[in-house]
Amino acid sequence: MTDKPGWWVKDEQPSLYLWVFTKMTLGAAYGALFLTGVIFFILILRVLSGLLPEDPYAALETGAQMVALLA
């Protein structure tokens, strides 16, 4: 059993510290991407809410006035 070579490169044994650091860094990067996506989604909703009128029926009145002006 001890004569069996390891799965790693001949002279380099894998480092547990490097593996943990890699996994923690990937987790932090995924978390940062997710947080950035959530922030952009909220900002897009705020921009859209700024474009819409406060009164939902105001757009219908404006459309009716535009049709009356064009007709």
Protein backbone atom coordinates (compact mmCIF):
# COMPACT_ATOMS: atom_id res chain seq x y z
CA MET A 1 0.00 0.00 0.00
CA THR A 2 2.81 2.43 0.78
CA ASP A 3 4.55 1.68 -2.51
CA LYS A 4 1.67 3.24 -4.41
CA PRO A 5 2.58 6.75 -5.64
CA GLY A 6 0.33 9.67 -4.74
CA TRP A 7 -2.04 11.32 -7.17
CA TRP A 8 -0.06 14.58 -7.03
CA VAL A 9 3.07 15.56 -8.91
CA LYS A 10 6.10 13.54 -7.86
CA ASP A 11 7.91 16.00 -5.58
CA GLU A 12 5.10 18.39 -4.75
CA GLN A 13 2.50 17.36 -2.22
CA PRO A 14 -0.74 19.33 -2.22
CA SER A 15 -1.10 22.02 0.41
CA LEU A 16 -4.24 22.08 2.51
CA TYR A 17 -3.69 25.78 3.16
CA LEU A 18 -3.68 26.51 -0.57
CA TRP A 19 -6.83 24.46 -1.11
CA VAL A 20 -8.69 26.24 1.71
CA PHE A 21 -7.49 29.64 0.48
CA THR A 22 -8.67 28.84 -3.05
CA LYS A 23 -12.11 27.72 -1.90
CA MET A 24 -12.54 30.71 0.41
CA THR A 25 -11.47 33.10 -2.36
CA LEU A 26 -13.91 31.55 -4.82
CA GLY A 27 -16.70 31.81 -2.26
CA ALA A 28 -15.89 35.47 -1.64
CA ALA A 29 -15.82 36.17 -5.38
CA TYR A 30 -19.19 34.46 -5.91
CA GLY A 31 -20.63 36.41 -2.98
CA ALA A 32 -19.31 39.69 -4.39
CA LEU A 33 -20.82 38.92 -7.81
CA PHE A 34 -24.17 38.05 -6.25
CA LEU A 35 -24.19 41.22 -4.12
CA THR A 36 -23.28 43.33 -7.15
CA GLY A 37 -26.12 41.75 -9.12
CA VAL A 38 -28.61 42.45 -6.33
CA ILE A 39 -27.46 46.08 -6.08
CA PHE A 40 -27.77 46.57 -9.86
CA PHE A 41 -31.24 44.99 -9.83
CA ILE A 42 -32.37 47.38 -7.08
CA LEU A 43 -30.88 50.37 -8.93
CA ILE A 44 -32.65 49.37 -12.15
CA LEU A 45 -35.96 49.13 -10.27
CA ARG A 46 -35.37 52.59 -8.77
CA VAL A 47 -34.63 54.07 -12.20
CA LEU A 48 -37.78 52.50 -13.63
CA SER A 49 -39.86 53.76 -10.72
CA GLY A 50 -38.48 57.25 -11.34
CA LEU A 51 -39.60 57.10 -14.96
CA LEU A 52 -43.15 56.07 -14.14
CA PRO A 53 -45.70 58.62 -12.93
CA GLU A 54 -46.86 58.48 -9.33
CA ASP A 55 -50.50 58.23 -10.41
CA PRO A 56 -50.96 55.05 -12.48
CA TYR A 57 -53.90 56.56 -14.35
CA ALA A 58 -51.96 59.69 -15.33
CA ALA A 59 -50.49 57.85 -18.32
CA LEU A 60 -54.00 57.10 -19.59
CA GLU A 61 -54.98 60.75 -19.27
CA THR A 62 -51.82 61.86 -21.04
CA GLY A 63 -52.48 59.37 -23.82
CA ALA A 64 -56.07 60.58 -24.18
CA GLN A 65 -54.86 64.18 -24.38
CA MET A 66 -52.29 63.25 -27.07
CA VAL A 67 -54.98 61.50 -29.12
CA ALA A 68 -57.27 64.52 -28.75
CA LEU A 69 -54.50 66.83 -29.95
CA LEU A 70 -53.64 64.67 -32.94
CA ALA A 71 -57.26 64.08 -33.98
